[in-house]
Amino acid sequence: MNSNKKSAEKCLKSLRILMSQSKLHLQYDFNFSVSMDKRTNKIKLNYSVPDEGELRGSNFVITKTKQKQKYITDYTVHDYKAFFNSITYYLNEISEDIKVNGLRVRNEMGDGIEFWMTKFLDIYRSPPGKLSQASIDSDRTVLNNLLKYLNATKPHIKLISDYNNIVHTEFIIYESRRGLSDSTVKTTHIRIKSFFNWIKTQYYGFNVELYLNRPYKKKINTDSFTQMEIKQIQLFIDNHRYEEEWGWFIEILIVLLETGCRIGECLNSRVKDFDSAHRTLKLYGKGNKVRIVYARSNNSGYVFHSRIYINGIKKDNENYIFHQLYYRKYRQKGGVVSKKFENLEKPYSRSGVEHKFKKMVKKLNLNNKLSPHCCRRFFITEMLKATNGDIPLVAELVGHSSWDMVKHYTQSVVNTDSIVNVDFEKLRPRFSITK
């Protein structure tokens, strides 16, 4: 037994000499040593991994390590020569283990991509009201998609310092190949860029520049109803506006067509937002922007009046104008009866309106690509015609901060008789030079 022990100790010493002569320590950026399990004579590699760290300025420093051992089940010290020939395999595994633990510590200390994403998606990162919940939800979707992509295809990208424009470009190309529109791809880029720009304001010394590898132009859809389709819709409104099945939807449809407001703006409007004296409705749009729309026609004026007053009594100011009011049919002995359901404190859902719109489209055999948003496009187009192309006015009415959005619709209102430029010759008398 003693001879076996002496033999094992001698083999271990030979292995250590062999490792020292090979200068393996110079090939790796970590320290390690070799020992053996005294019961089995199996070889063990000893090393340390990062356990704690801290940020000092823009530098990350390991402040505490812990000891680990790699138990080599394939070799005893008696096989030290064979083990030495394979030692780089085990040292590479140790190197990866050290790296993984370092990444874990850095993530815990706030240097990881996932850590910063969590902070960025915190609704309290900005003053209340500055960011809508919809915007935060969109950020969450984009960043979650990015994280899934990195975990699946680039698991080594764990830290914000690992992310660069090459990785970013590959992700953008991946997203575009998934069939996303150029507009969605560009929005994805903008949201990721905003995320990393935000990190710059929180993390001293961090910087990364992200840009698109090619321009992704947003295609503005200006398609709306044809004249024939509008005539069919007008007839549909006349024939069904007082029916239990369609009445509530037609009221909303009229408002969408005559005011150009978005579905969400219309459904979320409350009694306090409507000024009956001036027939104006205060809307809260994207980014909590406030604007006024007008309901001066008899059609929309009647809709608001009938929705705000129930049996001649005005609803509470906090009640929704378009509160849920619908009928369900039940079969009973003697026939079918309708039961009324009403909830003053809950508006119709957007999906409910969209579903009803599609049902109308199918009933009238219209273009199945039409959507409720076409009502807004119809309003813009008709207002441009009615105002002789007053883009600033129409932009204000529909809540576009940029005139460029409304300009996309001018192609449908310019004809051969339209005045589209200045006749400089006619201005000559006004600019004559007298000596």
Protein backbone atom coordinates (compact mmCIF):
# COMPACT_ATOMS: atom_id res chain seq x y z
CA MET A 1 0.00 0.00 0.00
CA ASN A 2 2.85 2.34 0.94
CA SER A 3 4.64 1.49 -2.28
CA ASN A 4 1.54 2.35 -4.29
CA LYS A 5 1.24 5.65 -2.45
CA LYS A 6 4.90 6.46 -3.08
CA SER A 7 4.47 5.54 -6.73
CA ALA A 8 1.45 7.88 -7.06
CA GLU A 9 3.29 10.72 -5.38
CA LYS A 10 6.23 10.18 -7.71
CA CYS A 11 3.97 10.24 -10.77
CA LEU A 12 2.30 13.45 -9.55
CA LYS A 13 5.71 15.07 -9.10
CA SER A 14 6.69 14.01 -12.62
CA LEU A 15 3.48 15.51 -13.99
CA ARG A 16 4.18 18.80 -12.25
CA ILE A 17 7.73 18.88 -13.64
CA LEU A 18 6.40 18.13 -17.12
CA MET A 19 3.88 20.96 -16.84
CA SER A 20 6.51 23.39 -15.56
CA GLN A 21 8.92 22.57 -18.38
CA SER A 22 6.19 23.06 -20.99
CA LYS A 23 5.45 26.58 -19.63
CA LEU A 24 1.71 25.98 -19.91
CA HIS A 25 1.03 28.82 -17.49
CA LEU A 26 2.28 31.30 -20.06
CA GLN A 27 -0.33 30.12 -22.55
CA TYR A 28 -3.31 30.90 -20.32
CA ASP A 29 -4.40 34.05 -18.51
CA PHE A 30 -5.35 32.24 -15.29
CA ASN A 31 -3.45 30.32 -12.61
CA PHE A 32 -3.93 26.63 -12.05
CA SER A 33 -2.25 23.76 -10.29
CA VAL A 34 -2.46 19.97 -10.34
CA SER A 35 -3.17 17.56 -7.46
CA MET A 36 -4.62 14.11 -6.99
CA ASP A 37 -7.43 12.44 -5.15
CA LYS A 38 -5.67 10.37 -2.48
CA ARG A 39 -8.36 7.70 -2.48
CA THR A 40 -8.61 7.09 -6.24
CA ASN A 41 -5.34 8.63 -7.48
CA LYS A 42 -7.43 10.56 -10.05
CA ILE A 43 -5.96 13.85 -11.27
CA LYS A 44 -7.50 17.16 -10.18
CA LEU A 45 -6.93 20.61 -11.69
CA ASN A 46 -7.25 23.45 -9.19
CA TYR A 47 -8.22 26.99 -10.19
CA SER A 48 -10.27 29.97 -9.03
CA VAL A 49 -13.29 31.70 -10.57
CA PRO A 50 -14.68 35.24 -10.06
CA ASP A 51 -17.25 35.42 -7.25
CA GLU A 52 -17.71 39.14 -6.59
CA GLY A 53 -16.78 42.39 -8.33
CA GLU A 54 -17.42 46.09 -8.54
CA LEU A 55 -17.42 48.95 -11.05
CA ARG A 56 -14.67 51.49 -10.57
CA GLY A 57 -15.48 54.30 -12.95
CA SER A 58 -15.94 52.56 -16.29
CA ASN A 59 -13.73 49.59 -15.30
CA PHE A 60 -14.96 46.31 -13.87
CA VAL A 61 -12.75 44.82 -11.13
CA ILE A 62 -12.95 41.33 -9.57
CA THR A 63 -12.84 41.74 -5.78
CA LYS A 64 -13.36 38.15 -4.65
CA THR A 65 -12.76 34.68 -6.08
CA LYS A 66 -13.62 31.16 -5.00
CA GLN A 67 -11.64 27.96 -5.43
CA LYS A 68 -12.79 25.16 -7.71
CA GLN A 69 -11.45 21.77 -8.75
CA LYS A 70 -11.89 19.89 -11.98
CA TYR A 71 -11.94 16.18 -11.29
CA ILE A 72 -10.44 14.25 -14.22
CA THR A 73 -12.31 10.96 -14.29
CA ASP A 74 -10.42 9.62 -17.31
CA TYR A 75 -6.90 9.62 -15.84
CA THR A 76 -5.01 8.67 -12.72
CA VAL A 77 -1.59 10.09 -11.93
CA HIS A 78 -0.11 6.85 -13.27
CA ASP A 79 -1.44 7.91 -16.69
CA TYR A 80 0.12 11.36 -16.36
CA LYS A 81 1.80 11.27 -19.78
CA ALA A 82 -1.47 10.50 -21.57
CA PHE A 83 -3.21 13.15 -19.48
CA PHE A 84 -0.55 15.71 -20.35
CA ASN A 85 -1.13 15.11 -24.05
CA SER A 86 -4.82 16.01 -23.53
CA ILE A 87 -4.39 18.74 -20.93
CA THR A 88 -5.25 21.62 -23.27
CA TYR A 89 -8.77 20.20 -23.63
CA TYR A 90 -9.33 20.43 -19.88
CA LEU A 91 -7.67 23.81 -19.56
CA ASN A 92 -9.94 25.19 -22.28
CA GLU A 93 -12.95 23.94 -20.31
CA ILE A 94 -11.60 25.69 -17.21
CA SER A 95 -11.08 28.88 -19.21
CA GLU A 96 -14.72 28.78 -20.32
CA ASP A 97 -15.88 28.18 -16.73
CA ILE A 98 -13.92 31.21 -15.52
CA LYS A 99 -15.39 33.32 -18.30
CA VAL A 100 -18.97 32.20 -17.50
CA ASN A 101 -18.53 33.06 -13.83
CA GLY A 102 -17.02 36.41 -14.74
CA LEU A 103 -20.02 37.16 -16.94
CA ARG A 104 -22.36 36.14 -14.14
CA VAL A 105 -20.68 38.52 -11.71
CA ARG A 106 -20.67 41.33 -14.27
CA ASN A 107 -24.35 40.76 -14.96
CA GLU A 108 -25.09 40.92 -11.25
CA MET A 109 -23.11 44.14 -11.01
CA GLY A 110 -25.07 45.74 -13.81
CA ASP A 111 -22.91 45.14 -16.86
CA GLY A 112 -25.15 42.58 -18.55
CA ILE A 113 -27.50 43.22 -21.45
CA GLU A 114 -30.38 41.49 -19.69
CA PHE A 115 -29.79 43.55 -16.53
CA TRP A 116 -29.99 46.83 -18.46
CA MET A 117 -33.04 45.68 -20.41
CA THR A 118 -34.84 45.08 -17.12
CA LYS A 119 -33.98 48.58 -15.93
CA PHE A 120 -34.90 50.16 -19.26
CA LEU A 121 -38.33 48.52 -19.30
CA ASP A 122 -39.08 49.79 -15.82
CA ILE A 123 -42.04 52.15 -16.26
CA TYR A 124 -40.54 54.51 -13.68
CA ARG A 125 -37.42 55.23 -15.73
CA SER A 126 -38.98 58.46 -17.02
CA PRO A 127 -41.26 61.15 -15.55
CA PRO A 128 -44.91 59.99 -15.25
CA GLY A 129 -46.88 60.58 -18.42
CA LYS A 130 -43.86 61.01 -20.69
CA LEU A 131 -44.03 57.45 -22.02
CA SER A 132 -47.25 55.63 -22.76
CA GLN A 133 -47.72 52.02 -21.70
CA ALA A 134 -48.09 51.10 -25.39
CA SER A 135 -44.62 52.50 -26.10
CA ILE A 136 -43.10 50.58 -23.19
CA ASP A 137 -44.83 47.39 -24.36
CA SER A 138 -43.40 47.87 -27.86
CA ASP A 139 -39.92 48.37 -26.38
CA ARG A 140 -40.38 45.16 -24.39
CA THR A 141 -41.35 43.17 -27.49
CA VAL A 142 -38.36 44.41 -29.51
CA LEU A 143 -35.81 43.88 -26.72
CA ASN A 144 -37.18 40.42 -25.88
CA ASN A 145 -36.84 39.47 -29.54
CA LEU A 146 -33.25 40.73 -29.49
CA LEU A 147 -32.47 38.77 -26.32
CA LYS A 148 -33.96 35.56 -27.76
CA TYR A 149 -31.90 36.05 -30.92
CA LEU A 150 -28.67 36.55 -28.95
CA ASN A 151 -29.29 33.55 -26.70
CA ALA A 152 -30.06 31.31 -29.68
CA THR A 153 -27.39 32.43 -32.15
CA LYS A 154 -24.76 34.38 -30.19
CA PRO A 155 -24.71 33.05 -26.61
CA HIS A 156 -21.30 34.65 -26.02
CA ILE A 157 -22.88 38.11 -26.30
CA LYS A 158 -23.84 38.73 -22.68
CA LEU A 159 -22.52 42.19 -21.83
CA ILE A 160 -23.46 45.59 -23.20
CA SER A 161 -19.80 46.01 -24.14
CA ASP A 162 -20.09 42.90 -26.37
CA TYR A 163 -22.83 44.46 -28.49
CA ASN A 164 -21.62 46.37 -31.52
CA ASN A 165 -22.87 47.46 -34.92
CA ILE A 166 -21.81 44.19 -36.56
CA VAL A 167 -24.00 42.17 -34.20
CA HIS A 168 -26.74 44.78 -34.54
CA THR A 169 -26.68 44.65 -38.33
CA GLU A 170 -26.91 40.84 -38.31
CA PHE A 171 -29.98 41.06 -36.06
CA ILE A 172 -31.64 43.67 -38.29
CA ILE A 173 -31.02 41.50 -41.36
CA TYR A 174 -32.45 38.52 -39.45
CA GLU A 175 -35.59 40.53 -38.61
CA SER A 176 -36.05 41.69 -42.20
CA ARG A 177 -35.76 38.11 -43.46
CA ARG A 178 -38.56 37.10 -41.09
CA GLY A 179 -40.90 38.98 -43.41
CA LEU A 180 -41.20 42.19 -41.40
CA SER A 181 -41.94 45.36 -43.35
CA ASP A 182 -39.25 47.99 -43.85
CA SER A 183 -41.19 50.25 -41.52
CA THR A 184 -41.20 47.66 -38.72
CA VAL A 185 -37.50 46.89 -39.21
CA LYS A 186 -36.64 50.58 -39.01
CA THR A 187 -38.75 50.96 -35.87
CA THR A 188 -36.93 47.96 -34.37
CA HIS A 189 -33.59 49.65 -35.07
CA ILE A 190 -34.76 52.92 -33.53
CA ARG A 191 -35.99 51.22 -30.35
CA ILE A 192 -32.74 49.29 -29.87
CA LYS A 193 -30.69 52.40 -30.57
CA SER A 194 -32.77 54.33 -28.03
CA PHE A 195 -32.09 51.57 -25.49
CA PHE A 196 -28.31 51.83 -25.90
CA ASN A 197 -28.43 55.63 -26.01
CA TRP A 198 -30.27 55.52 -22.70
CA ILE A 199 -27.54 53.32 -21.21
CA LYS A 200 -25.02 56.05 -22.11
CA THR A 201 -26.86 58.41 -19.79
CA GLN A 202 -26.72 55.88 -16.94
CA TYR A 203 -23.31 54.25 -17.35
CA TYR A 204 -20.30 56.57 -17.41
CA GLY A 205 -17.82 55.70 -20.14
CA PHE A 206 -20.09 53.36 -22.11
CA ASN A 207 -20.53 54.10 -25.80
CA VAL A 208 -21.75 52.19 -28.85
CA GLU A 209 -22.77 53.60 -32.25
CA LEU A 210 -25.55 51.79 -34.11
CA TYR A 211 -26.73 52.52 -37.63
CA LEU A 212 -28.64 50.80 -40.42
CA ASN A 213 -26.72 49.06 -43.17
CA ARG A 214 -29.24 50.34 -45.73
CA PRO A 215 -32.15 52.79 -45.71
CA TYR A 216 -35.47 51.29 -44.68
CA LYS A 217 -38.08 53.61 -46.12
CA LYS A 218 -41.46 53.68 -44.49
CA LYS A 219 -44.20 53.11 -47.02
CA ILE A 220 -47.18 55.28 -46.16
CA ASN A 221 -50.47 53.60 -46.92
CA THR A 222 -52.95 56.21 -48.18
CA ASP A 223 -55.50 53.72 -49.50
CA SER A 224 -59.06 54.51 -48.51
CA PHE A 225 -62.59 53.89 -49.72
CA THR A 226 -63.53 54.26 -53.34
CA GLN A 227 -66.51 56.44 -54.23
CA MET A 228 -68.60 53.32 -54.82
CA GLU A 229 -67.62 51.89 -51.43
CA ILE A 230 -68.52 55.13 -49.65
CA LYS A 231 -71.95 55.11 -51.32
CA GLN A 232 -72.47 51.53 -50.14
CA ILE A 233 -71.44 52.50 -46.59
CA GLN A 234 -73.78 55.50 -46.64
CA LEU A 235 -76.66 53.24 -47.67
CA PHE A 236 -75.66 50.70 -45.01
CA ILE A 237 -75.74 53.44 -42.32
CA ASP A 238 -79.18 54.61 -43.43
CA ASN A 239 -80.62 51.11 -43.41
CA HIS A 240 -79.10 49.77 -40.17
CA ARG A 241 -78.28 52.65 -37.81
CA TYR A 242 -81.25 52.00 -35.50
CA GLU A 243 -80.91 48.22 -35.39
CA GLU A 244 -79.86 46.51 -32.17
CA GLU A 245 -77.16 44.52 -33.95
CA TRP A 246 -75.49 47.41 -35.79
CA GLY A 247 -76.58 50.60 -34.07
CA TRP A 248 -73.67 50.94 -31.59
CA PHE A 249 -71.09 50.22 -34.31
CA ILE A 250 -72.63 52.69 -36.78
CA GLU A 251 -72.45 55.46 -34.17
CA ILE A 252 -68.70 54.90 -33.82
CA LEU A 253 -68.30 54.55 -37.61
CA ILE A 254 -69.94 57.94 -38.18
CA VAL A 255 -67.59 59.62 -35.69
CA LEU A 256 -64.53 57.99 -37.26
CA LEU A 257 -65.55 59.11 -40.75
CA GLU A 258 -66.49 62.67 -39.80
CA THR A 259 -63.74 63.56 -37.30
CA GLY A 260 -60.73 61.53 -38.47
CA CYS A 261 -59.93 60.40 -34.92
CA ARG A 262 -58.20 57.13 -34.20
CA ILE A 263 -60.20 54.18 -32.83
CA GLY A 264 -58.45 54.30 -29.47
CA GLU A 265 -59.03 58.04 -29.15
CA CYS A 266 -62.71 57.64 -29.93
CA LEU A 267 -63.32 54.71 -27.59
CA ASN A 268 -61.41 56.24 -24.66
CA SER A 269 -63.15 59.64 -24.81
CA ARG A 270 -65.22 60.52 -21.75
CA VAL A 271 -68.24 62.76 -21.17
CA LYS A 272 -66.07 65.51 -19.66
CA ASP A 273 -64.07 65.71 -22.92
CA PHE A 274 -67.04 66.83 -25.02
CA ASP A 275 -68.01 70.51 -25.17
CA SER A 276 -71.65 70.47 -26.25
CA ALA A 277 -71.79 74.26 -26.67
CA HIS A 278 -69.02 74.29 -29.30
CA ARG A 279 -69.45 70.67 -30.42
CA THR A 280 -65.80 69.90 -29.82
CA LEU A 281 -64.15 66.78 -28.41
CA LYS A 282 -60.84 66.80 -26.58
CA LEU A 283 -58.73 63.78 -27.55
CA TYR A 284 -55.66 62.27 -25.94
CA GLY A 285 -53.56 60.74 -28.71
CA LYS A 286 -50.15 59.13 -29.06
CA GLY A 287 -47.67 60.21 -26.42
CA ASN A 288 -50.54 61.80 -24.42
CA LYS A 289 -50.77 64.65 -26.93
CA VAL A 290 -54.00 66.61 -26.62
CA ARG A 291 -55.96 68.00 -29.55
CA ILE A 292 -59.48 69.11 -30.43
CA VAL A 293 -61.75 67.60 -33.09
CA TYR A 294 -65.06 69.02 -34.23
CA ALA A 295 -68.48 67.38 -34.41
CA ARG A 296 -70.39 70.13 -36.15
CA SER A 297 -72.38 67.99 -38.59
CA ASN A 298 -75.88 66.86 -37.66
CA ASN A 299 -74.77 63.25 -37.94
CA SER A 300 -71.91 63.25 -35.43
CA GLY A 301 -73.63 65.90 -33.27
CA TYR A 302 -76.63 63.62 -32.84
CA VAL A 303 -74.39 60.65 -32.03
CA PHE A 304 -72.61 62.48 -29.20
CA HIS A 305 -75.87 63.88 -27.80
CA SER A 306 -77.57 60.48 -27.78
CA ARG A 307 -74.54 58.89 -26.17
CA ILE A 308 -74.05 61.51 -23.46
CA TYR A 309 -77.71 61.82 -22.46
CA ILE A 310 -79.70 58.75 -21.40
CA ASN A 311 -83.43 59.43 -21.23
CA GLY A 312 -82.65 63.14 -21.05
CA ILE A 313 -80.22 62.75 -18.13
CA LYS A 314 -76.54 63.49 -18.66
CA LYS A 315 -74.09 60.75 -17.72
CA ASP A 316 -71.34 61.37 -15.16
CA ASN A 317 -68.31 63.23 -16.46
CA GLU A 318 -66.04 60.22 -15.92
CA ASN A 319 -68.29 57.85 -17.87
CA TYR A 320 -67.17 56.82 -21.34
CA ILE A 321 -69.09 58.40 -24.18
CA PHE A 322 -69.13 55.11 -26.02
CA HIS A 323 -69.79 52.89 -23.02
CA GLN A 324 -70.69 49.28 -23.69
CA LEU A 325 -74.30 48.97 -24.82
CA TYR A 326 -75.35 45.95 -26.82
CA TYR A 327 -78.02 43.28 -27.17
CA ARG A 328 -77.86 39.52 -27.15
CA LYS A 329 -80.51 37.25 -28.60
CA TYR A 330 -81.85 34.26 -26.72
CA ARG A 331 -84.21 31.53 -27.82
CA GLN A 332 -87.22 31.08 -25.57
CA LYS A 333 -90.60 29.49 -25.83
CA GLY A 334 -92.58 31.57 -28.21
CA GLY A 335 -89.59 32.90 -30.18
CA VAL A 336 -86.32 34.83 -29.91
CA VAL A 337 -85.92 37.65 -27.39
CA SER A 338 -83.22 40.33 -27.04
CA LYS A 339 -81.58 41.15 -23.74
CA LYS A 340 -79.89 44.50 -23.21
CA PHE A 341 -76.43 44.70 -21.62
CA GLU A 342 -74.95 48.02 -20.50
CA ASN A 343 -71.83 49.10 -18.59
CA LEU A 344 -71.30 52.85 -18.14
CA GLU A 345 -67.77 52.41 -16.80
CA LYS A 346 -66.37 50.30 -19.60
CA PRO A 347 -65.88 51.30 -23.27
CA TYR A 348 -66.20 49.08 -26.33
CA SER A 349 -63.00 47.20 -27.09
CA ARG A 350 -60.88 48.04 -30.10
CA SER A 351 -60.97 44.41 -31.23
CA GLY A 352 -64.76 44.45 -30.99
CA VAL A 353 -64.99 47.46 -33.32
CA GLU A 354 -62.48 45.94 -35.75
CA HIS A 355 -64.39 42.66 -35.79
CA LYS A 356 -67.66 44.46 -36.50
CA PHE A 357 -66.01 46.51 -39.26
CA LYS A 358 -64.78 43.34 -40.97
CA LYS A 359 -68.28 41.90 -40.67
CA MET A 360 -69.67 45.00 -42.44
CA VAL A 361 -67.02 44.71 -45.17
CA LYS A 362 -67.99 41.09 -45.77
CA LYS A 363 -71.72 41.90 -45.72
CA LEU A 364 -71.28 44.64 -48.36
CA ASN A 365 -68.73 42.62 -50.35
CA LEU A 366 -66.12 45.41 -50.09
CA ASN A 367 -62.33 45.14 -50.41
CA ASN A 368 -61.28 42.78 -47.62
CA LYS A 369 -58.10 44.82 -47.04
CA LEU A 370 -60.15 47.72 -45.68
CA SER A 371 -59.81 48.47 -41.98
CA PRO A 372 -61.25 51.03 -39.53
CA HIS A 373 -58.11 53.14 -40.07
CA CYS A 374 -59.36 53.77 -43.62
CA CYS A 375 -61.94 56.08 -42.02
CA ARG A 376 -59.07 58.33 -40.90
CA ARG A 377 -57.51 58.25 -44.36
CA PHE A 378 -60.90 59.07 -45.87
CA PHE A 379 -61.23 62.08 -43.55
CA ILE A 380 -57.75 63.38 -44.48
CA THR A 381 -58.41 63.04 -48.20
CA GLU A 382 -61.83 64.67 -48.06
CA MET A 383 -60.61 67.53 -45.86
CA LEU A 384 -57.74 68.24 -48.26
CA LYS A 385 -60.30 68.49 -51.07
CA ALA A 386 -62.62 70.69 -49.04
CA THR A 387 -59.84 73.08 -47.94
CA ASN A 388 -58.05 73.23 -51.29
CA GLY A 389 -55.09 71.34 -49.89
CA ASP A 390 -54.64 73.18 -46.57
CA ILE A 391 -52.03 70.79 -45.21
CA PRO A 392 -51.28 72.67 -41.93
CA LEU A 393 -54.99 72.75 -41.04
CA VAL A 394 -55.58 69.08 -41.80
CA ALA A 395 -52.39 68.06 -39.98
CA GLU A 396 -53.64 69.89 -36.90
CA LEU A 397 -57.09 68.28 -37.12
CA VAL A 398 -55.72 64.73 -37.27
CA GLY A 399 -52.93 65.26 -34.75
CA HIS A 400 -49.90 64.92 -37.02
CA SER A 401 -46.98 66.91 -35.61
CA SER A 402 -45.30 66.80 -39.02
CA TRP A 403 -46.93 68.10 -42.22
CA ASP A 404 -45.04 65.43 -44.14
CA MET A 405 -47.52 62.74 -43.10
CA VAL A 406 -50.46 64.68 -44.55
CA LYS A 407 -48.47 65.53 -47.70
CA HIS A 408 -48.57 61.85 -48.66
CA TYR A 409 -52.32 62.25 -49.28
CA THR A 410 -52.03 65.20 -51.69
CA GLN A 411 -51.39 62.88 -54.62
CA SER A 412 -55.06 61.92 -54.56
CA VAL A 413 -56.36 65.51 -54.67
CA VAL A 414 -54.06 67.17 -57.24
CA ASN A 415 -55.51 67.29 -60.74
CA THR A 416 -54.84 69.19 -63.97
CA ASP A 417 -56.81 72.20 -62.75
CA SER A 418 -55.06 72.48 -59.40
CA ILE A 419 -52.66 75.33 -58.66
CA VAL A 420 -49.50 73.52 -57.69
CA ASN A 421 -46.80 76.16 -58.07
CA VAL A 422 -46.15 79.91 -58.23
CA ASP A 423 -46.43 81.56 -61.65
CA PHE A 424 -43.34 83.71 -61.40
CA GLU A 425 -44.16 85.65 -64.56
CA LYS A 426 -47.44 86.87 -63.07
CA LEU A 427 -45.49 88.26 -60.13
CA ARG A 428 -43.15 90.30 -62.35
CA PRO A 429 -45.06 93.59 -62.02
CA ARG A 430 -44.81 93.36 -58.25
CA PHE A 431 -41.06 93.09 -58.42
CA SER A 432 -40.30 95.63 -61.14
CA ILE A 433 -37.24 97.76 -60.49
CA THR A 434 -37.66 101.51 -60.94
CA LYS A 435 -34.65 103.70 -61.53
